[in-house]
Amino acid sequence: MELAYDRRGSGPPLVLLHGIGHHRRGWLPVIDLLAQRHDVIAVDLPGFGDSPPLPYGTPYNVETLGRAVREFWTGLGLSRPHVAGNSLGGYIALDLASTADVRTAVALSPAGFWSRPEHAYARAVLRLLRLAVRATGGLPAIAAGTDEGKALAMGLLVAHPGRLSREDVVAAATALRECAGFEETLDSLAWVAPPAPPKVPVTIAWGERDRLLPRRQAVRAARWAGQRALLLRGCGHLPMSDDPELVAQVILTGCG
């Protein structure tokens, strides 16, 4: 499947996967750091960002999205790349690790390790954020340029919204408003269980100040992986913006 992507650097291939309602631009703060050692490919999942939707009749879930990503990198001539993902992308990365379709997997605050109340909370927050940007037609650029506007739009997702540029905030709001795969993917996550045990090395890291998927979920993810989860101090659910250097180091170390 043809998907929208950005590609930089050289070395072993590393595919970056974003979360639900987000897009590949969320990886921009770390791409150049990763590209010093890897051929980095940041991709928009089907129905998100600039990528086309899944073919008519194909359901949106972690299996179909993961399959589309595998077909995508196969089309680029890649075989078993390293993969790193955030939130939904983190779950997909771990799922790919359970089938040995990747060399290594790094998951930042991956979905799927919640209790039922925690899932209901995350689902309600995501729906509320999407309703807000759709009701206003997206976040006005003038609001996105103020500290208050950034906090309102991104405060539940990042620990330091003031560090985001106006363009980044507007782009994130637009991606959330327009993604065709949002509703069906979100609904499918209600039935997601943790992936099968990994067959390749995995790294799990969690934002210390994650307000969407609280860090207590890291304990369950660590139990699944059979190792400790790393704590990203001072970071929220989208840690790439909060501390690019720390996130890049975690990913580079996880890739071996």
C-alpha atoms as a PDB file:
ATOM      1  CA  MET A   1       0.000   0.000   0.000  1.00  0.00           C
ATOM      2  CA  GLU A   2       1.277   3.482  -0.828  1.00  0.00           C
ATOM      3  CA  LEU A   3       1.542   5.669   2.258  1.00  0.00           C
ATOM      4  CA  ALA A   4       2.793   9.212   2.845  1.00  0.00           C
ATOM      5  CA  TYR A   5       6.222   9.308   4.469  1.00  0.00           C
ATOM      6  CA  ASP A   6       9.366  11.320   5.137  1.00  0.00           C
ATOM      7  CA  ARG A   7      12.778   9.696   4.769  1.00  0.00           C
ATOM      8  CA  ARG A   8      16.165  10.897   5.975  1.00  0.00           C
ATOM      9  CA  GLY A   9      19.613   9.564   6.813  1.00  0.00           C
ATOM     10  CA  SER A  10      21.410   6.332   6.033  1.00  0.00           C
ATOM     11  CA  GLY A  11      22.141   3.089   7.813  1.00  0.00           C
ATOM     12  CA  PRO A  12      19.874   0.301   9.084  1.00  0.00           C
ATOM     13  CA  PRO A  13      16.236   1.171   8.313  1.00  0.00           C
ATOM     14  CA  LEU A  14      14.072   2.500  11.159  1.00  0.00           C
ATOM     15  CA  VAL A  15      10.318   2.968  10.645  1.00  0.00           C
ATOM     16  CA  LEU A  16       8.453   5.429  12.920  1.00  0.00           C
ATOM     17  CA  LEU A  17       4.725   4.966  13.677  1.00  0.00           C
ATOM     18  CA  HIS A  18       2.490   7.663  15.174  1.00  0.00           C
ATOM     19  CA  GLY A  19      -0.531   7.405  17.470  1.00  0.00           C
ATOM     20  CA  ILE A  20      -4.255   7.599  16.773  1.00  0.00           C
ATOM     21  CA  GLY A  21      -5.349  10.977  15.429  1.00  0.00           C
ATOM     22  CA  HIS A  22      -1.735  12.055  14.987  1.00  0.00           C
ATOM     23  CA  HIS A  23       0.610  12.083  12.003  1.00  0.00           C
ATOM     24  CA  ARG A  24       4.214  11.606  10.963  1.00  0.00           C
ATOM     25  CA  ARG A  25       5.053  15.239  11.653  1.00  0.00           C
ATOM     26  CA  GLY A  26       5.009  14.403  15.356  1.00  0.00           C
ATOM     27  CA  TRP A  27       8.389  12.723  14.861  1.00  0.00           C
ATOM     28  CA  LEU A  28      10.074  15.809  13.388  1.00  0.00           C
ATOM     29  CA  PRO A  29      11.857  16.793  16.631  1.00  0.00           C
ATOM     30  CA  VAL A  30      13.798  13.503  16.658  1.00  0.00           C
ATOM     31  CA  ILE A  31      14.181  12.563  12.981  1.00  0.00           C
ATOM     32  CA  ASP A  32      17.477  14.347  12.397  1.00  0.00           C
ATOM     33  CA  LEU A  33      18.927  12.895  15.597  1.00  0.00           C
ATOM     34  CA  LEU A  34      17.947   9.378  14.537  1.00  0.00           C
ATOM     35  CA  ALA A  35      19.075   9.940  10.952  1.00  0.00           C
ATOM     36  CA  GLN A  36      22.680  10.248  12.113  1.00  0.00           C
ATOM     37  CA  ARG A  37      22.707   6.452  12.509  1.00  0.00           C
ATOM     38  CA  HIS A  38      19.670   5.173  10.604  1.00  0.00           C
ATOM     39  CA  ASP A  39      17.725   5.343   7.379  1.00  0.00           C
ATOM     40  CA  VAL A  40      14.659   6.840   9.061  1.00  0.00           C
ATOM     41  CA  ILE A  41      11.183   6.516   7.544  1.00  0.00           C
ATOM     42  CA  ALA A  42       8.356   8.341   9.367  1.00  0.00           C
ATOM     43  CA  VAL A  43       5.059   7.170   7.914  1.00  0.00           C
ATOM     44  CA  ASP A  44       1.421   8.239   8.110  1.00  0.00           C
ATOM     45  CA  LEU A  45      -0.788   5.244   8.903  1.00  0.00           C
ATOM     46  CA  PRO A  46      -3.650   4.551   6.449  1.00  0.00           C
ATOM     47  CA  GLY A  47      -6.486   7.009   6.971  1.00  0.00           C
ATOM     48  CA  PHE A  48      -4.289   9.389   8.978  1.00  0.00           C
ATOM     49  CA  GLY A  49      -2.188  12.396   8.021  1.00  0.00           C
ATOM     50  CA  ASP A  50      -1.608  12.504   4.275  1.00  0.00           C
ATOM     51  CA  SER A  51      -2.048   8.770   3.671  1.00  0.00           C
ATOM     52  CA  PRO A  52      -5.083   7.426   1.791  1.00  0.00           C
ATOM     53  CA  PRO A  53      -7.664   5.382   3.690  1.00  0.00           C
ATOM     54  CA  LEU A  54      -7.690   1.608   3.741  1.00  0.00           C
ATOM     55  CA  PRO A  55      -9.436  -0.032   0.768  1.00  0.00           C
ATOM     56  CA  TYR A  56     -13.227   0.017   0.947  1.00  0.00           C
ATOM     57  CA  GLY A  57     -14.535  -2.702   3.227  1.00  0.00           C
ATOM     58  CA  THR A  58     -11.253  -3.192   5.097  1.00  0.00           C
ATOM     59  CA  PRO A  59     -11.767  -2.623   8.835  1.00  0.00           C
ATOM     60  CA  TYR A  60      -9.490  -0.339  10.817  1.00  0.00           C
ATOM     61  CA  ASN A  61      -7.702  -2.208  13.602  1.00  0.00           C
ATOM     62  CA  VAL A  62      -4.164  -2.951  14.730  1.00  0.00           C
ATOM     63  CA  GLU A  63      -3.925  -5.995  12.467  1.00  0.00           C
ATOM     64  CA  THR A  64      -4.940  -4.220   9.250  1.00  0.00           C
ATOM     65  CA  LEU A  65      -2.833  -1.148  10.041  1.00  0.00           C
ATOM     66  CA  GLY A  66       0.174  -3.315  10.840  1.00  0.00           C
ATOM     67  CA  ARG A  67      -0.314  -5.282   7.621  1.00  0.00           C
ATOM     68  CA  ALA A  68      -0.460  -2.047   5.623  1.00  0.00           C
ATOM     69  CA  VAL A  69       2.799  -0.870   7.189  1.00  0.00           C
ATOM     70  CA  ARG A  70       4.505  -4.185   6.334  1.00  0.00           C
ATOM     71  CA  GLU A  71       3.294  -3.922   2.739  1.00  0.00           C
ATOM     72  CA  PHE A  72       4.527  -0.339   2.645  1.00  0.00           C
ATOM     73  CA  TRP A  73       8.087  -1.081   3.704  1.00  0.00           C
ATOM     74  CA  THR A  74       8.209  -4.165   1.501  1.00  0.00           C
ATOM     75  CA  GLY A  75       7.356  -1.856  -1.390  1.00  0.00           C
ATOM     76  CA  LEU A  76      10.385   0.240  -0.438  1.00  0.00           C
ATOM     77  CA  GLY A  77      12.564  -2.858  -0.637  1.00  0.00           C
ATOM     78  CA  LEU A  78      13.025  -3.165   3.127  1.00  0.00           C
ATOM     79  CA  SER A  79      13.063  -6.378   5.140  1.00  0.00           C
ATOM     80  CA  ARG A  80      12.695  -6.552   8.917  1.00  0.00           C
ATOM     81  CA  PRO A  81      13.493  -2.916   9.757  1.00  0.00           C
ATOM     82  CA  HIS A  82      13.782  -1.564  13.259  1.00  0.00           C
ATOM     83  CA  VAL A  83      10.518   0.056  14.311  1.00  0.00           C
ATOM     84  CA  ALA A  84       9.546   2.626  16.934  1.00  0.00           C
ATOM     85  CA  GLY A  85       6.027   3.734  17.726  1.00  0.00           C
ATOM     86  CA  ASN A  86       4.066   5.993  20.027  1.00  0.00           C
ATOM     87  CA  SER A  87       0.652   5.173  21.549  1.00  0.00           C
ATOM     88  CA  LEU A  88      -1.278   3.245  18.853  1.00  0.00           C
ATOM     89  CA  GLY A  89       1.970   3.108  16.886  1.00  0.00           C
ATOM     90  CA  GLY A  90       3.662   1.670  19.958  1.00  0.00           C
ATOM     91  CA  TYR A  91       1.141  -1.149  20.133  1.00  0.00           C
ATOM     92  CA  ILE A  92       1.618  -1.874  16.423  1.00  0.00           C
ATOM     93  CA  ALA A  93       5.398  -1.925  16.942  1.00  0.00           C
ATOM     94  CA  LEU A  94       5.062  -4.477  19.767  1.00  0.00           C
ATOM     95  CA  ASP A  95       2.621  -6.539  17.718  1.00  0.00           C
ATOM     96  CA  LEU A  96       5.134  -6.651  14.877  1.00  0.00           C
ATOM     97  CA  ALA A  97       7.781  -7.735  17.399  1.00  0.00           C
ATOM     98  CA  SER A  98       5.566 -10.656  18.415  1.00  0.00           C
ATOM     99  CA  THR A  99       5.726 -12.010  14.868  1.00  0.00           C
ATOM    100  CA  ALA A 100       9.428 -11.222  14.307  1.00  0.00           C
ATOM    101  CA  ASP A 101       8.582  -9.001  11.337  1.00  0.00           C
ATOM    102  CA  VAL A 102      11.052  -6.414  12.697  1.00  0.00           C
ATOM    103  CA  ARG A 103      14.593  -6.478  14.077  1.00  0.00           C
ATOM    104  CA  THR A 104      13.756  -4.544  17.235  1.00  0.00           C
ATOM    105  CA  ALA A 105      10.817  -2.538  18.541  1.00  0.00           C
ATOM    106  CA  VAL A 106      10.680   0.558  20.743  1.00  0.00           C
ATOM    107  CA  ALA A 107       7.272   1.538  22.139  1.00  0.00           C
ATOM    108  CA  LEU A 108       6.622   4.937  23.738  1.00  0.00           C
ATOM    109  CA  SER A 109       3.502   4.864  25.955  1.00  0.00           C
ATOM    110  CA  PRO A 110       1.964   2.047  23.910  1.00  0.00           C
ATOM    111  CA  ALA A 111      -1.785   1.494  23.855  1.00  0.00           C
ATOM    112  CA  GLY A 112      -3.351  -1.729  25.053  1.00  0.00           C
ATOM    113  CA  PHE A 113      -2.086  -2.038  28.633  1.00  0.00           C
ATOM    114  CA  TRP A 114      -4.984  -0.230  30.247  1.00  0.00           C
ATOM    115  CA  SER A 115      -7.678  -1.323  32.642  1.00  0.00           C
ATOM    116  CA  ARG A 116     -11.268  -0.908  31.465  1.00  0.00           C
ATOM    117  CA  PRO A 117     -11.740   2.391  33.369  1.00  0.00           C
ATOM    118  CA  GLU A 118      -8.423   3.670  32.006  1.00  0.00           C
ATOM    119  CA  HIS A 119      -9.458   2.760  28.484  1.00  0.00           C
ATOM    120  CA  ALA A 120     -12.818   4.486  28.924  1.00  0.00           C
ATOM    121  CA  TYR A 121     -11.028   7.612  30.158  1.00  0.00           C
ATOM    122  CA  ALA A 122      -8.547   7.668  27.252  1.00  0.00           C
ATOM    123  CA  ARG A 123     -11.333   7.085  24.752  1.00  0.00           C
ATOM    124  CA  ALA A 124     -13.409   9.925  26.210  1.00  0.00           C
ATOM    125  CA  VAL A 125     -10.432  12.314  26.137  1.00  0.00           C
ATOM    126  CA  LEU A 126      -9.632  11.504  22.516  1.00  0.00           C
ATOM    127  CA  ARG A 127     -13.248  11.924  21.448  1.00  0.00           C
ATOM    128  CA  LEU A 128     -13.460  15.237  23.288  1.00  0.00           C
ATOM    129  CA  LEU A 129     -10.297  16.546  21.617  1.00  0.00           C
ATOM    130  CA  ARG A 130     -11.573  15.528  18.187  1.00  0.00           C
ATOM    131  CA  LEU A 131     -14.986  17.049  18.784  1.00  0.00           C
ATOM    132  CA  ALA A 132     -13.337  20.292  19.862  1.00  0.00           C
ATOM    133  CA  VAL A 133     -11.220  20.675  16.715  1.00  0.00           C
ATOM    134  CA  ARG A 134     -14.082  19.641  14.456  1.00  0.00           C
ATOM    135  CA  ALA A 135     -16.501  22.057  16.105  1.00  0.00           C
ATOM    136  CA  THR A 136     -14.126  24.977  15.557  1.00  0.00           C
ATOM    137  CA  GLY A 137     -13.001  23.886  12.099  1.00  0.00           C
ATOM    138  CA  GLY A 138      -9.524  23.296  13.510  1.00  0.00           C
ATOM    139  CA  LEU A 139      -7.494  25.438  15.843  1.00  0.00           C
ATOM    140  CA  PRO A 140      -7.213  29.034  14.579  1.00  0.00           C
ATOM    141  CA  ALA A 141      -3.617  30.013  13.874  1.00  0.00           C
ATOM    142  CA  ILE A 142      -3.859  33.046  16.135  1.00  0.00           C
ATOM    143  CA  ALA A 143      -4.873  30.856  19.110  1.00  0.00           C
ATOM    144  CA  ALA A 144      -2.160  28.327  18.338  1.00  0.00           C
ATOM    145  CA  GLY A 145       0.424  31.088  18.636  1.00  0.00           C
ATOM    146  CA  THR A 146      -0.393  31.826  22.287  1.00  0.00           C
ATOM    147  CA  ASP A 147       0.660  29.872  25.367  1.00  0.00           C
ATOM    148  CA  GLU A 148      -2.985  29.560  26.367  1.00  0.00           C
ATOM    149  CA  GLY A 149      -3.989  28.208  22.959  1.00  0.00           C
ATOM    150  CA  LYS A 150      -1.150  25.687  22.945  1.00  0.00           C
ATOM    151  CA  ALA A 151      -2.044  24.518  26.447  1.00  0.00           C
ATOM    152  CA  LEU A 152      -5.706  24.170  25.528  1.00  0.00           C
ATOM    153  CA  ALA A 153      -4.983  22.216  22.365  1.00  0.00           C
ATOM    154  CA  MET A 154      -2.057  20.072  23.482  1.00  0.00           C
ATOM    155  CA  GLY A 155      -1.851  20.201  27.275  1.00  0.00           C
ATOM    156  CA  LEU A 156      -3.325  16.717  27.715  1.00  0.00           C
ATOM    157  CA  LEU A 157      -0.810  15.237  25.295  1.00  0.00           C
ATOM    158  CA  VAL A 158       2.488  16.998  25.964  1.00  0.00           C
ATOM    159  CA  ALA A 159       4.075  18.115  29.198  1.00  0.00           C
ATOM    160  CA  HIS A 160       5.475  21.352  27.722  1.00  0.00           C
ATOM    161  CA  PRO A 161       3.016  22.704  25.128  1.00  0.00           C
ATOM    162  CA  GLY A 162       4.820  26.052  25.085  1.00  0.00           C
ATOM    163  CA  ARG A 163       7.744  24.387  23.320  1.00  0.00           C
ATOM    164  CA  LEU A 164       5.605  23.628  20.281  1.00  0.00           C
ATOM    165  CA  SER A 165       5.564  26.010  17.359  1.00  0.00           C
ATOM    166  CA  ARG A 166       2.323  27.539  16.140  1.00  0.00           C
ATOM    167  CA  GLU A 167       2.664  25.528  12.927  1.00  0.00           C
ATOM    168  CA  ASP A 168       3.052  22.280  14.854  1.00  0.00           C
ATOM    169  CA  VAL A 169      -0.076  22.919  16.917  1.00  0.00           C
ATOM    170  CA  VAL A 170      -2.175  23.831  13.884  1.00  0.00           C
ATOM    171  CA  ALA A 171      -0.886  20.790  11.982  1.00  0.00           C
ATOM    172  CA  ALA A 172      -1.681  18.461  14.891  1.00  0.00           C
ATOM    173  CA  ALA A 173      -5.197  19.882  15.218  1.00  0.00           C
ATOM    174  CA  THR A 174      -5.749  19.515  11.474  1.00  0.00           C
ATOM    175  CA  ALA A 175      -4.535  15.908  11.509  1.00  0.00           C
ATOM    176  CA  LEU A 176      -6.901  15.056  14.354  1.00  0.00           C
ATOM    177  CA  ARG A 177      -9.836  16.774  12.662  1.00  0.00           C
ATOM    178  CA  GLU A 178      -9.406  15.203   9.241  1.00  0.00           C
ATOM    179  CA  CYS A 179      -8.240  11.630   9.859  1.00  0.00           C
ATOM    180  CA  ALA A 180     -10.648   9.230   8.176  1.00  0.00           C
ATOM    181  CA  GLY A 181      -9.576   6.235  10.230  1.00  0.00           C
ATOM    182  CA  PHE A 182     -10.135   7.753  13.678  1.00  0.00           C
ATOM    183  CA  GLU A 183     -13.579   6.520  14.712  1.00  0.00           C
ATOM    184  CA  GLU A 184     -13.277   2.936  13.556  1.00  0.00           C
ATOM    185  CA  THR A 185      -9.746   2.549  14.895  1.00  0.00           C
ATOM    186  CA  LEU A 186     -10.749   3.980  18.264  1.00  0.00           C
ATOM    187  CA  ASP A 187     -13.727   1.631  18.470  1.00  0.00           C
ATOM    188  CA  SER A 188     -11.531  -1.365  17.632  1.00  0.00           C
ATOM    189  CA  LEU A 189      -9.196  -0.626  20.545  1.00  0.00           C
ATOM    190  CA  ALA A 190     -11.959  -1.512  23.013  1.00  0.00           C
ATOM    191  CA  TRP A 191     -11.275  -5.183  22.248  1.00  0.00           C
ATOM    192  CA  VAL A 192      -7.488  -5.071  22.081  1.00  0.00           C
ATOM    193  CA  ALA A 193      -5.501  -7.365  24.360  1.00  0.00           C
ATOM    194  CA  PRO A 194      -1.722  -7.151  24.811  1.00  0.00           C
ATOM    195  CA  PRO A 195       0.186  -8.673  21.876  1.00  0.00           C
ATOM    196  CA  ALA A 196       1.697 -12.134  21.956  1.00  0.00           C
ATOM    197  CA  PRO A 197       5.129 -12.330  23.647  1.00  0.00           C
ATOM    198  CA  PRO A 198       7.898 -10.625  21.642  1.00  0.00           C
ATOM    199  CA  LYS A 199      10.289 -12.689  19.522  1.00  0.00           C
ATOM    200  CA  VAL A 200      12.818  -9.865  19.094  1.00  0.00           C
ATOM    201  CA  PRO A 201      14.315  -7.318  21.524  1.00  0.00           C
ATOM    202  CA  VAL A 202      11.819  -4.679  22.654  1.00  0.00           C
ATOM    203  CA  THR A 203      12.098  -1.477  24.668  1.00  0.00           C
ATOM    204  CA  ILE A 204       9.157   0.137  26.439  1.00  0.00           C
ATOM    205  CA  ALA A 205       9.349   3.728  27.701  1.00  0.00           C
ATOM    206  CA  TRP A 206       6.670   5.858  29.345  1.00  0.00           C
ATOM    207  CA  GLY A 207       6.237   9.563  29.830  1.00  0.00           C
ATOM    208  CA  GLU A 208       6.458  10.463  33.504  1.00  0.00           C
ATOM    209  CA  ARG A 209       3.717  13.055  33.010  1.00  0.00           C
ATOM    210  CA  ASP A 210       1.544  11.142  30.556  1.00  0.00           C
ATOM    211  CA  ARG A 211      -2.019  12.380  31.117  1.00  0.00           C
ATOM    212  CA  LEU A 212      -3.676  10.207  28.472  1.00  0.00           C
ATOM    213  CA  LEU A 213      -2.229   6.814  29.378  1.00  0.00           C
ATOM    214  CA  PRO A 214      -0.970   7.273  32.964  1.00  0.00           C
ATOM    215  CA  ARG A 215       2.423   5.814  33.750  1.00  0.00           C
ATOM    216  CA  ARG A 216       1.001   3.113  36.049  1.00  0.00           C
ATOM    217  CA  GLN A 217       0.198   1.278  32.823  1.00  0.00           C
ATOM    218  CA  ALA A 218       3.945   0.936  32.306  1.00  0.00           C
ATOM    219  CA  VAL A 219       3.992  -1.695  35.062  1.00  0.00           C
ATOM    220  CA  ARG A 220       1.682  -3.950  33.036  1.00  0.00           C
ATOM    221  CA  ALA A 221       3.630  -3.320  29.849  1.00  0.00           C
ATOM    222  CA  ALA A 222       6.885  -4.146  31.631  1.00  0.00           C
ATOM    223  CA  ARG A 223       5.389  -7.367  32.991  1.00  0.00           C
ATOM    224  CA  TRP A 224       4.372  -8.300  29.450  1.00  0.00           C
ATOM    225  CA  ALA A 225       7.869  -7.601  28.127  1.00  0.00           C
ATOM    226  CA  GLY A 226       9.605  -9.321  31.033  1.00  0.00           C
ATOM    227  CA  GLN A 227      11.755  -6.290  31.740  1.00  0.00           C
ATOM    228  CA  ARG A 228      11.600  -2.864  33.309  1.00  0.00           C
ATOM    229  CA  ALA A 229       9.987   0.011  31.473  1.00  0.00           C
ATOM    230  CA  LEU A 230      12.023   3.195  31.117  1.00  0.00           C
ATOM    231  CA  LEU A 231      10.618   6.388  32.627  1.00  0.00           C
ATOM    232  CA  LEU A 232      10.889   9.486  30.441  1.00  0.00           C
ATOM    233  CA  ARG A 233      11.214  12.227  33.029  1.00  0.00           C
ATOM    234  CA  GLY A 234       9.441  15.479  32.321  1.00  0.00           C
ATOM    235  CA  CYS A 235       7.647  14.002  29.303  1.00  0.00           C
ATOM    236  CA  GLY A 236       3.982  13.588  28.409  1.00  0.00           C
ATOM    237  CA  HIS A 237       2.174  11.238  26.069  1.00  0.00           C
ATOM    238  CA  LEU A 238       3.970  12.662  23.018  1.00  0.00           C
ATOM    239  CA  PRO A 239       7.523  12.715  24.426  1.00  0.00           C
ATOM    240  CA  MET A 240       9.161  13.506  21.080  1.00  0.00           C
ATOM    241  CA  SER A 241       8.271  17.175  21.558  1.00  0.00           C
ATOM    242  CA  ASP A 242       9.024  17.325  25.277  1.00  0.00           C
ATOM    243  CA  ASP A 243      12.585  15.955  25.190  1.00  0.00           C
ATOM    244  CA  PRO A 244      13.828  15.050  21.700  1.00  0.00           C
ATOM    245  CA  GLU A 245      17.342  14.180  22.848  1.00  0.00           C
ATOM    246  CA  LEU A 246      16.114  11.747  25.516  1.00  0.00           C
ATOM    247  CA  VAL A 247      13.636  10.066  23.169  1.00  0.00           C
ATOM    248  CA  ALA A 248      16.214   9.755  20.405  1.00  0.00           C
ATOM    249  CA  GLN A 249      18.687   8.157  22.819  1.00  0.00           C
ATOM    250  CA  VAL A 250      16.097   5.650  24.017  1.00  0.00           C
ATOM    251  CA  ILE A 251      15.256   4.688  20.429  1.00  0.00           C
ATOM    252  CA  LEU A 252      18.889   4.463  19.330  1.00  0.00           C
ATOM    253  CA  THR A 253      19.777   2.311  22.327  1.00  0.00           C
ATOM    254  CA  GLY A 254      16.754   0.102  21.736  1.00  0.00           C
ATOM    255  CA  CYS A 255      17.789  -0.412  18.128  1.00  0.00           C
ATOM    256  CA  GLY A 256      21.125  -1.729  19.365  1.00  0.00           C
END
